[in-house]
C-alpha atoms as a PDB file:
ATOM      1  CA  UNK A   1      -7.576  21.777 -57.480  1.00  0.00           C
ATOM      2  CA  UNK A   2      -8.918  21.865 -53.947  1.00  0.00           C
ATOM      3  CA  UNK A   3      -6.424  21.348 -51.112  1.00  0.00           C
ATOM      4  CA  UNK A   4      -9.072  19.845 -48.811  1.00  0.00           C
ATOM      5  CA  UNK A   5      -8.125  16.320 -47.690  1.00  0.00           C
ATOM      6  CA  UNK A   6     -11.109  13.984 -47.414  1.00  0.00           C
ATOM      7  CA  UNK A   7     -11.035  11.572 -44.509  1.00  0.00           C
ATOM      8  CA  UNK A   8     -13.485   9.616 -42.366  1.00  0.00           C
ATOM      9  CA  UNK A   9     -12.496  11.280 -39.074  1.00  0.00           C
ATOM     10  CA  UNK A  10     -14.449  14.085 -37.438  1.00  0.00           C
ATOM     11  CA  UNK A  11     -12.629  17.313 -36.685  1.00  0.00           C
ATOM     12  CA  UNK A  12     -14.777  18.985 -34.035  1.00  0.00           C
ATOM     13  CA  UNK A  13     -15.698  22.615 -34.686  1.00  0.00           C
ATOM     14  CA  UNK A  14     -14.692  25.287 -32.211  1.00  0.00           C
ATOM     15  CA  UNK A  15     -17.166  25.400 -29.342  1.00  0.00           C
ATOM     16  CA  UNK A  16     -17.521  27.554 -26.199  1.00  0.00           C
ATOM     17  CA  UNK A  17     -19.213  24.769 -24.205  1.00  0.00           C
ATOM     18  CA  UNK A  18     -16.155  22.824 -22.942  1.00  0.00           C
ATOM     19  CA  UNK A  19     -14.465  25.841 -21.327  1.00  0.00           C
ATOM     20  CA  UNK A  20     -17.771  27.184 -19.970  1.00  0.00           C
ATOM     21  CA  UNK A  21     -18.655  23.784 -18.508  1.00  0.00           C
ATOM     22  CA  UNK A  22     -15.220  23.588 -16.868  1.00  0.00           C
ATOM     23  CA  UNK A  23     -15.660  27.014 -15.292  1.00  0.00           C
ATOM     24  CA  UNK A  24     -19.140  26.158 -14.042  1.00  0.00           C
ATOM     25  CA  UNK A  25     -17.903  22.815 -12.723  1.00  0.00           C
ATOM     26  CA  UNK A  26     -15.154  24.585 -10.796  1.00  0.00           C
ATOM     27  CA  UNK A  27     -17.776  27.003  -9.484  1.00  0.00           C
ATOM     28  CA  UNK A  28     -19.587  24.093  -7.839  1.00  0.00           C
ATOM     29  CA  UNK A  29     -16.793  23.927  -5.263  1.00  0.00           C
ATOM     30  CA  UNK A  30     -17.563  27.410  -3.966  1.00  0.00           C
ATOM     31  CA  UNK A  31     -21.225  26.431  -3.691  1.00  0.00           C
ATOM     32  CA  UNK A  32     -20.289  23.314  -1.731  1.00  0.00           C
ATOM     33  CA  UNK A  33     -18.051  25.330   0.600  1.00  0.00           C
ATOM     34  CA  UNK A  34     -20.929  27.685   1.311  1.00  0.00           C
ATOM     35  CA  UNK A  35     -23.160  24.709   2.142  1.00  0.00           C
ATOM     36  CA  UNK A  36     -20.555  23.178   4.465  1.00  0.00           C
ATOM     37  CA  UNK A  37     -19.649  26.360   6.338  1.00  0.00           C
ATOM     38  CA  UNK A  38     -22.726  28.607   6.115  1.00  0.00           C
ATOM     39  CA  UNK A  39     -25.509  26.029   5.563  1.00  0.00           C
ATOM     40  CA  UNK A  40     -26.631  28.070   2.537  1.00  0.00           C
ATOM     41  CA  UNK A  41     -27.392  26.092  -0.632  1.00  0.00           C
ATOM     42  CA  UNK A  42     -28.628  28.927  -2.900  1.00  0.00           C
ATOM     43  CA  UNK A  43     -25.254  29.459  -4.595  1.00  0.00           C
ATOM     44  CA  UNK A  44     -24.839  25.723  -5.187  1.00  0.00           C
ATOM     45  CA  UNK A  45     -28.303  25.442  -6.783  1.00  0.00           C
ATOM     46  CA  UNK A  46     -27.535  28.387  -9.090  1.00  0.00           C
ATOM     47  CA  UNK A  47     -24.227  26.779 -10.116  1.00  0.00           C
ATOM     48  CA  UNK A  48     -25.932  23.440 -10.839  1.00  0.00           C
ATOM     49  CA  UNK A  49     -28.651  25.106 -12.953  1.00  0.00           C
ATOM     50  CA  UNK A  50     -26.046  27.003 -14.996  1.00  0.00           C
ATOM     51  CA  UNK A  51     -24.004  23.835 -15.501  1.00  0.00           C
ATOM     52  CA  UNK A  52     -27.108  21.960 -16.683  1.00  0.00           C
ATOM     53  CA  UNK A  53     -27.969  24.754 -19.134  1.00  0.00           C
ATOM     54  CA  UNK A  54     -24.461  24.709 -20.599  1.00  0.00           C
ATOM     55  CA  UNK A  55     -24.440  20.909 -20.750  1.00  0.00           C
ATOM     56  CA  UNK A  56     -27.789  20.921 -22.548  1.00  0.00           C
ATOM     57  CA  UNK A  57     -26.390  23.190 -25.267  1.00  0.00           C
ATOM     58  CA  UNK A  58     -23.310  20.992 -25.589  1.00  0.00           C
ATOM     59  CA  UNK A  59     -25.386  17.792 -25.819  1.00  0.00           C
ATOM     60  CA  UNK A  60     -27.600  19.468 -28.456  1.00  0.00           C
ATOM     61  CA  UNK A  61     -24.563  20.172 -30.656  1.00  0.00           C
ATOM     62  CA  UNK A  62     -23.254  16.610 -30.283  1.00  0.00           C
ATOM     63  CA  UNK A  63     -26.704  15.272 -31.172  1.00  0.00           C
ATOM     64  CA  UNK A  64     -26.770  17.405 -34.316  1.00  0.00           C
ATOM     65  CA  UNK A  65     -23.341  16.110 -35.316  1.00  0.00           C
ATOM     66  CA  UNK A  66     -24.455  12.506 -34.848  1.00  0.00           C
ATOM     67  CA  UNK A  67     -27.832  12.744 -36.587  1.00  0.00           C
ATOM     68  CA  UNK A  68     -28.368  15.781 -38.842  1.00  0.00           C
ATOM     69  CA  UNK A  69     -24.776  16.346 -39.994  1.00  0.00           C
ATOM     70  CA  UNK A  70     -23.779  12.681 -40.183  1.00  0.00           C
ATOM     71  CA  UNK A  71     -20.313  13.310 -38.715  1.00  0.00           C
ATOM     72  CA  UNK A  72     -20.277  10.127 -36.635  1.00  0.00           C
ATOM     73  CA  UNK A  73     -18.967   7.703 -39.234  1.00  0.00           C
ATOM     74  CA  UNK A  74     -17.889   4.123 -38.511  1.00  0.00           C
ATOM     75  CA  UNK A  75     -14.336   5.295 -37.751  1.00  0.00           C
ATOM     76  CA  UNK A  76     -15.593   8.033 -35.426  1.00  0.00           C
ATOM     77  CA  UNK A  77     -17.929   5.603 -33.677  1.00  0.00           C
ATOM     78  CA  UNK A  78     -15.034   3.200 -33.113  1.00  0.00           C
ATOM     79  CA  UNK A  79     -13.103   6.006 -31.415  1.00  0.00           C
ATOM     80  CA  UNK A  80     -16.122   6.829 -29.275  1.00  0.00           C
ATOM     81  CA  UNK A  81     -16.396   3.189 -28.213  1.00  0.00           C
ATOM     82  CA  UNK A  82     -12.766   3.104 -27.175  1.00  0.00           C
ATOM     83  CA  UNK A  83     -13.228   6.395 -25.357  1.00  0.00           C
ATOM     84  CA  UNK A  84     -16.192   5.216 -23.276  1.00  0.00           C
ATOM     85  CA  UNK A  85     -14.356   1.970 -22.457  1.00  0.00           C
ATOM     86  CA  UNK A  86     -11.353   3.937 -21.173  1.00  0.00           C
ATOM     87  CA  UNK A  87     -13.675   6.261 -19.267  1.00  0.00           C
ATOM     88  CA  UNK A  88     -15.413   3.362 -17.516  1.00  0.00           C
ATOM     89  CA  UNK A  89     -12.009   1.811 -16.759  1.00  0.00           C
ATOM     90  CA  UNK A  90     -10.926   5.051 -15.078  1.00  0.00           C
ATOM     91  CA  UNK A  91     -14.148   5.007 -13.056  1.00  0.00           C
ATOM     92  CA  UNK A  92     -13.367   1.469 -11.904  1.00  0.00           C
ATOM     93  CA  UNK A  93     -10.043   2.618 -10.468  1.00  0.00           C
ATOM     94  CA  UNK A  94     -11.831   5.607  -8.918  1.00  0.00           C
ATOM     95  CA  UNK A  95     -13.916   3.223  -6.801  1.00  0.00           C
ATOM     96  CA  UNK A  96     -10.989   0.879  -6.164  1.00  0.00           C
ATOM     97  CA  UNK A  97      -9.521   3.586  -3.934  1.00  0.00           C
ATOM     98  CA  UNK A  98     -12.558   3.593  -1.667  1.00  0.00           C
ATOM     99  CA  UNK A  99     -12.685  -0.194  -1.464  1.00  0.00           C
ATOM    100  CA  UNK A 100      -8.959  -0.266  -0.712  1.00  0.00           C
ATOM    101  CA  UNK A 101      -9.370   2.231   2.148  1.00  0.00           C
ATOM    102  CA  UNK A 102     -12.299   0.268   3.585  1.00  0.00           C
ATOM    103  CA  UNK A 103     -10.532  -3.112   3.305  1.00  0.00           C
ATOM    104  CA  UNK A 104      -7.353  -1.739   4.847  1.00  0.00           C
ATOM    105  CA  UNK A 105      -9.165  -0.563   7.974  1.00  0.00           C
ATOM    106  CA  UNK A 106     -11.502  -3.545   8.106  1.00  0.00           C
ATOM    107  CA  UNK A 107      -8.720  -6.141   7.950  1.00  0.00           C
ATOM    108  CA  UNK A 108      -6.263  -4.377  10.283  1.00  0.00           C
ATOM    109  CA  UNK A 109      -8.311  -2.682  12.981  1.00  0.00           C
ATOM    110  CA  UNK A 110      -6.346  -0.186  15.090  1.00  0.00           C
ATOM    111  CA  UNK A 111      -6.400   0.046  18.869  1.00  0.00           C
ATOM    112  CA  UNK A 112      -7.662   3.624  18.446  1.00  0.00           C
ATOM    113  CA  UNK A 113     -10.862   2.142  16.969  1.00  0.00           C
ATOM    114  CA  UNK A 114     -11.360  -0.045  20.023  1.00  0.00           C
ATOM    115  CA  UNK A 115      -9.863  -3.077  18.235  1.00  0.00           C
ATOM    116  CA  UNK A 116     -13.303  -3.786  16.747  1.00  0.00           C
ATOM    117  CA  UNK A 117     -15.170  -3.209  13.499  1.00  0.00           C
ATOM    118  CA  UNK A 118     -17.368  -1.268  13.097  1.00  0.00           C
ATOM    119  CA  UNK A 119     -15.816   1.062  15.689  1.00  0.00           C
ATOM    120  CA  UNK A 120     -17.488   1.251  19.071  1.00  0.00           C
ATOM    121  CA  UNK A 121     -20.610   3.409  19.104  1.00  0.00           C
ATOM    122  CA  UNK A 122     -21.439   3.042  15.396  1.00  0.00           C
ATOM    123  CA  UNK A 123     -24.651   1.229  14.463  1.00  0.00           C
ATOM    124  CA  UNK A 124     -24.364   0.132  10.797  1.00  0.00           C
ATOM    125  CA  UNK A 125     -27.274  -0.371   8.432  1.00  0.00           C
ATOM    126  CA  UNK A 126     -29.122  -3.658   8.295  1.00  0.00           C
ATOM    127  CA  UNK A 127     -28.150  -5.043   4.856  1.00  0.00           C
ATOM    128  CA  UNK A 128     -31.504  -6.829   4.533  1.00  0.00           C
ATOM    129  CA  UNK A 129     -33.614  -3.661   4.618  1.00  0.00           C
ATOM    130  CA  UNK A 130     -33.184  -0.667   2.258  1.00  0.00           C
ATOM    131  CA  UNK A 131     -29.783  -1.864   0.904  1.00  0.00           C
ATOM    132  CA  UNK A 132     -31.287  -5.184  -0.224  1.00  0.00           C
ATOM    133  CA  UNK A 133     -34.264  -3.400  -1.801  1.00  0.00           C
ATOM    134  CA  UNK A 134     -31.890  -1.069  -3.651  1.00  0.00           C
ATOM    135  CA  UNK A 135     -29.953  -4.101  -4.874  1.00  0.00           C
ATOM    136  CA  UNK A 136     -33.130  -5.614  -6.323  1.00  0.00           C
ATOM    137  CA  UNK A 137     -33.985  -2.257  -7.917  1.00  0.00           C
ATOM    138  CA  UNK A 138     -30.609  -1.843  -9.621  1.00  0.00           C
ATOM    139  CA  UNK A 139     -30.500  -5.448 -10.830  1.00  0.00           C
ATOM    140  CA  UNK A 140     -34.013  -5.004 -12.231  1.00  0.00           C
ATOM    141  CA  UNK A 141     -32.939  -1.795 -13.973  1.00  0.00           C
ATOM    142  CA  UNK A 142     -30.014  -3.676 -15.502  1.00  0.00           C
ATOM    143  CA  UNK A 143     -32.466  -6.203 -16.932  1.00  0.00           C
ATOM    144  CA  UNK A 144     -34.773  -3.480 -18.278  1.00  0.00           C
ATOM    145  CA  UNK A 145     -31.950  -1.536 -19.975  1.00  0.00           C
ATOM    146  CA  UNK A 146     -30.754  -4.790 -21.615  1.00  0.00           C
ATOM    147  CA  UNK A 147     -34.329  -5.376 -22.766  1.00  0.00           C
ATOM    148  CA  UNK A 148     -34.342  -1.862 -24.246  1.00  0.00           C
ATOM    149  CA  UNK A 149     -31.053  -2.468 -26.062  1.00  0.00           C
ATOM    150  CA  UNK A 150     -32.143  -5.746 -27.647  1.00  0.00           C
ATOM    151  CA  UNK A 151     -35.522  -4.260 -28.587  1.00  0.00           C
ATOM    152  CA  UNK A 152     -33.772  -1.347 -30.301  1.00  0.00           C
ATOM    153  CA  UNK A 153     -31.591  -3.732 -32.329  1.00  0.00           C
ATOM    154  CA  UNK A 154     -34.727  -5.621 -33.431  1.00  0.00           C
ATOM    155  CA  UNK A 155     -36.553  -2.388 -34.280  1.00  0.00           C
ATOM    156  CA  UNK A 156     -39.283  -2.744 -31.625  1.00  0.00           C
ATOM    157  CA  UNK A 157     -39.482   0.938 -30.698  1.00  0.00           C
ATOM    158  CA  UNK A 158     -42.564   0.609 -28.489  1.00  0.00           C
ATOM    159  CA  UNK A 159     -40.749  -1.919 -26.298  1.00  0.00           C
ATOM    160  CA  UNK A 160     -37.652   0.297 -26.219  1.00  0.00           C
ATOM    161  CA  UNK A 161     -39.733   3.201 -24.954  1.00  0.00           C
ATOM    162  CA  UNK A 162     -41.449   1.151 -22.254  1.00  0.00           C
ATOM    163  CA  UNK A 163     -38.264  -0.500 -20.992  1.00  0.00           C
ATOM    164  CA  UNK A 164     -36.279   2.742 -21.046  1.00  0.00           C
ATOM    165  CA  UNK A 165     -38.963   4.594 -19.096  1.00  0.00           C
ATOM    166  CA  UNK A 166     -38.976   1.746 -16.583  1.00  0.00           C
ATOM    167  CA  UNK A 167     -35.185   1.980 -16.222  1.00  0.00           C
ATOM    168  CA  UNK A 168     -35.320   5.729 -15.570  1.00  0.00           C
ATOM    169  CA  UNK A 169     -38.074   5.256 -12.965  1.00  0.00           C
ATOM    170  CA  UNK A 170     -36.032   2.568 -11.195  1.00  0.00           C
ATOM    171  CA  UNK A 171     -32.992   4.869 -11.181  1.00  0.00           C
ATOM    172  CA  UNK A 172     -35.021   7.671  -9.591  1.00  0.00           C
ATOM    173  CA  UNK A 173     -36.495   5.216  -7.074  1.00  0.00           C
ATOM    174  CA  UNK A 174     -33.012   4.056  -6.089  1.00  0.00           C
ATOM    175  CA  UNK A 175     -31.882   7.657  -5.530  1.00  0.00           C
ATOM    176  CA  UNK A 176     -34.960   8.418  -3.401  1.00  0.00           C
ATOM    177  CA  UNK A 177     -34.378   5.344  -1.226  1.00  0.00           C
ATOM    178  CA  UNK A 178     -30.715   6.213  -0.750  1.00  0.00           C
ATOM    179  CA  UNK A 179     -31.713   9.729   0.360  1.00  0.00           C
ATOM    180  CA  UNK A 180     -34.098   8.182   2.905  1.00  0.00           C
ATOM    181  CA  UNK A 181     -31.329   5.852   4.052  1.00  0.00           C
ATOM    182  CA  UNK A 182     -28.980   8.785   4.653  1.00  0.00           C
ATOM    183  CA  UNK A 183     -31.646  10.634   6.626  1.00  0.00           C
ATOM    184  CA  UNK A 184     -32.127   7.566   8.848  1.00  0.00           C
ATOM    185  CA  UNK A 185     -28.389   6.927   9.324  1.00  0.00           C
ATOM    186  CA  UNK A 186     -27.313   6.540  12.963  1.00  0.00           C
ATOM    187  CA  UNK A 187     -23.776   7.705  12.192  1.00  0.00           C
ATOM    188  CA  UNK A 188     -22.313  10.514  10.098  1.00  0.00           C
ATOM    189  CA  UNK A 189     -19.331  11.304   7.872  1.00  0.00           C
ATOM    190  CA  UNK A 190     -17.317  12.489  10.885  1.00  0.00           C
ATOM    191  CA  UNK A 191     -17.693   9.169  12.736  1.00  0.00           C
ATOM    192  CA  UNK A 192     -14.116   8.052  12.268  1.00  0.00           C
ATOM    193  CA  UNK A 193     -12.860   6.032   9.335  1.00  0.00           C
ATOM    194  CA  UNK A 194     -16.027   3.908   9.040  1.00  0.00           C
ATOM    195  CA  UNK A 195     -18.298   6.895   8.491  1.00  0.00           C
ATOM    196  CA  UNK A 196     -15.871   8.575   6.105  1.00  0.00           C
ATOM    197  CA  UNK A 197     -15.298   5.556   3.870  1.00  0.00           C
ATOM    198  CA  UNK A 198     -18.961   4.518   3.953  1.00  0.00           C
ATOM    199  CA  UNK A 199     -20.354   7.881   2.878  1.00  0.00           C
ATOM    200  CA  UNK A 200     -17.588   8.507   0.325  1.00  0.00           C
ATOM    201  CA  UNK A 201     -18.127   5.146  -1.386  1.00  0.00           C
ATOM    202  CA  UNK A 202     -21.924   5.095  -1.304  1.00  0.00           C
ATOM    203  CA  UNK A 203     -22.225   8.843  -1.902  1.00  0.00           C
ATOM    204  CA  UNK A 204     -20.088   8.817  -5.042  1.00  0.00           C
ATOM    205  CA  UNK A 205     -21.979   5.770  -6.255  1.00  0.00           C
ATOM    206  CA  UNK A 206     -25.213   7.683  -5.697  1.00  0.00           C
ATOM    207  CA  UNK A 207     -23.832  10.549  -7.809  1.00  0.00           C
ATOM    208  CA  UNK A 208     -23.005   8.058 -10.554  1.00  0.00           C
ATOM    209  CA  UNK A 209     -26.568   6.720 -10.402  1.00  0.00           C
ATOM    210  CA  UNK A 210     -27.872  10.276 -10.882  1.00  0.00           C
ATOM    211  CA  UNK A 211     -25.490  10.783 -13.825  1.00  0.00           C
ATOM    212  CA  UNK A 212     -26.552   7.448 -15.339  1.00  0.00           C
ATOM    213  CA  UNK A 213     -30.230   8.291 -14.895  1.00  0.00           C
ATOM    214  CA  UNK A 214     -29.647  11.631 -16.636  1.00  0.00           C
ATOM    215  CA  UNK A 215     -27.775   9.821 -19.407  1.00  0.00           C
ATOM    216  CA  UNK A 216     -30.692   7.434 -19.940  1.00  0.00           C
ATOM    217  CA  UNK A 217     -33.230  10.277 -19.780  1.00  0.00           C
ATOM    218  CA  UNK A 218     -31.388  12.056 -22.604  1.00  0.00           C
ATOM    219  CA  UNK A 219     -31.459   8.784 -24.554  1.00  0.00           C
ATOM    220  CA  UNK A 220     -35.224   8.553 -23.964  1.00  0.00           C
ATOM    221  CA  UNK A 221     -35.692  12.090 -25.320  1.00  0.00           C
ATOM    222  CA  UNK A 222     -33.569  11.226 -28.361  1.00  0.00           C
ATOM    223  CA  UNK A 223     -35.535   8.014 -28.862  1.00  0.00           C
ATOM    224  CA  UNK A 224     -38.826   9.932 -28.871  1.00  0.00           C
ATOM    225  CA  UNK A 225     -37.248  12.305 -31.420  1.00  0.00           C
ATOM    226  CA  UNK A 226     -36.367   9.295 -33.643  1.00  0.00           C
ATOM    227  CA  UNK A 227     -32.614   9.853 -33.370  1.00  0.00           C
ATOM    228  CA  UNK A 228     -31.816   6.139 -32.961  1.00  0.00           C
ATOM    229  CA  UNK A 229     -31.974   3.294 -35.460  1.00  0.00           C
ATOM    230  CA  UNK A 230     -31.205  -0.404 -35.181  1.00  0.00           C
ATOM    231  CA  UNK A 231     -27.682   0.099 -36.604  1.00  0.00           C
ATOM    232  CA  UNK A 232     -26.855   3.614 -35.393  1.00  0.00           C
ATOM    233  CA  UNK A 233     -27.435   4.079 -31.655  1.00  0.00           C
ATOM    234  CA  UNK A 234     -24.063   4.352 -29.962  1.00  0.00           C
ATOM    235  CA  UNK A 235     -25.343   7.067 -27.593  1.00  0.00           C
ATOM    236  CA  UNK A 236     -27.793   4.602 -26.091  1.00  0.00           C
ATOM    237  CA  UNK A 237     -25.213   1.811 -26.099  1.00  0.00           C
ATOM    238  CA  UNK A 238     -22.779   3.976 -24.120  1.00  0.00           C
ATOM    239  CA  UNK A 239     -25.513   4.786 -21.600  1.00  0.00           C
ATOM    240  CA  UNK A 240     -26.288   1.068 -21.208  1.00  0.00           C
ATOM    241  CA  UNK A 241     -22.602   0.238 -20.642  1.00  0.00           C
ATOM    242  CA  UNK A 242     -22.361   2.959 -18.026  1.00  0.00           C
ATOM    243  CA  UNK A 243     -25.504   1.712 -16.287  1.00  0.00           C
ATOM    244  CA  UNK A 244     -24.184  -1.842 -16.120  1.00  0.00           C
ATOM    245  CA  UNK A 245     -20.978  -0.468 -14.566  1.00  0.00           C
ATOM    246  CA  UNK A 246     -23.084   1.285 -11.918  1.00  0.00           C
ATOM    247  CA  UNK A 247     -24.882  -2.019 -11.221  1.00  0.00           C
ATOM    248  CA  UNK A 248     -21.641  -3.958 -10.766  1.00  0.00           C
ATOM    249  CA  UNK A 249     -20.157  -1.334  -8.439  1.00  0.00           C
ATOM    250  CA  UNK A 250     -23.292  -1.462  -6.296  1.00  0.00           C
ATOM    251  CA  UNK A 251     -23.021  -5.256  -5.968  1.00  0.00           C
ATOM    252  CA  UNK A 252     -19.489  -4.829  -4.598  1.00  0.00           C
ATOM    253  CA  UNK A 253     -20.703  -2.069  -2.271  1.00  0.00           C
ATOM    254  CA  UNK A 254     -23.563  -4.175  -0.973  1.00  0.00           C
ATOM    255  CA  UNK A 255     -21.516  -7.329  -0.407  1.00  0.00           C
ATOM    256  CA  UNK A 256     -18.322  -5.741   0.920  1.00  0.00           C
ATOM    257  CA  UNK A 257     -19.548  -2.685   2.840  1.00  0.00           C
ATOM    258  CA  UNK A 258     -23.171  -3.274   3.824  1.00  0.00           C
ATOM    259  CA  UNK A 259     -22.976  -7.024   4.492  1.00  0.00           C
ATOM    260  CA  UNK A 260     -19.348  -8.076   5.108  1.00  0.00           C
ATOM    261  CA  UNK A 261     -18.308  -4.676   6.491  1.00  0.00           C
ATOM    262  CA  UNK A 262     -20.835  -4.634   9.316  1.00  0.00           C
ATOM    263  CA  UNK A 263     -19.463  -7.780  10.997  1.00  0.00           C
END
């Protein structure tokens, strides 16, 4: 009699991708240090390309497990749902730290800052220019990704494709506008606590937008490969949850830092 115990869980096979991705991720720090101190970005670009190549192989294996091998059962999918919820919760507390730092300095301005906020000499962004446009863009992308999700549940694949492409385009547009905004900034990261907290909060949010756009792009590729069905599409659902989280964080950034924080 076989000693193999049948169960509905998925025991992941041994894979080299997690340890390789960790090593490449750690290698990004040396690339960043070279940019900061030597103004040379070649090493950083090489590290990013290698990390993307490793991640692509890892994502390919996960996709095979979910579609071709059928390892993502209902029990496994439930665990994945709980995992992405905990991940997003940890991301919420990640941004809470930046908001806390900004609020602390905004509500109790030190004499060293000239007893005023923003500190003397800093010209903040007009919240009704690029920041407002970016707000409209992200809210629109939230609507389009919801449209894609409901279309996928109803089996309207043409609408899913159109709405998902639109969401990816809006994500790229947001990133381009934020890059322009940084280039036009009249203060920098070194401009006391205002510059540091502003660029940390908005910069990390920008990184999350890039990650979310990549997430949705992978979902678009999987959609075109017919990897999703109306009742089996958790990969897309997780991407949509993450994108809505990015939208909500931006609303707090816009209201608290761009608008309320400039007064």
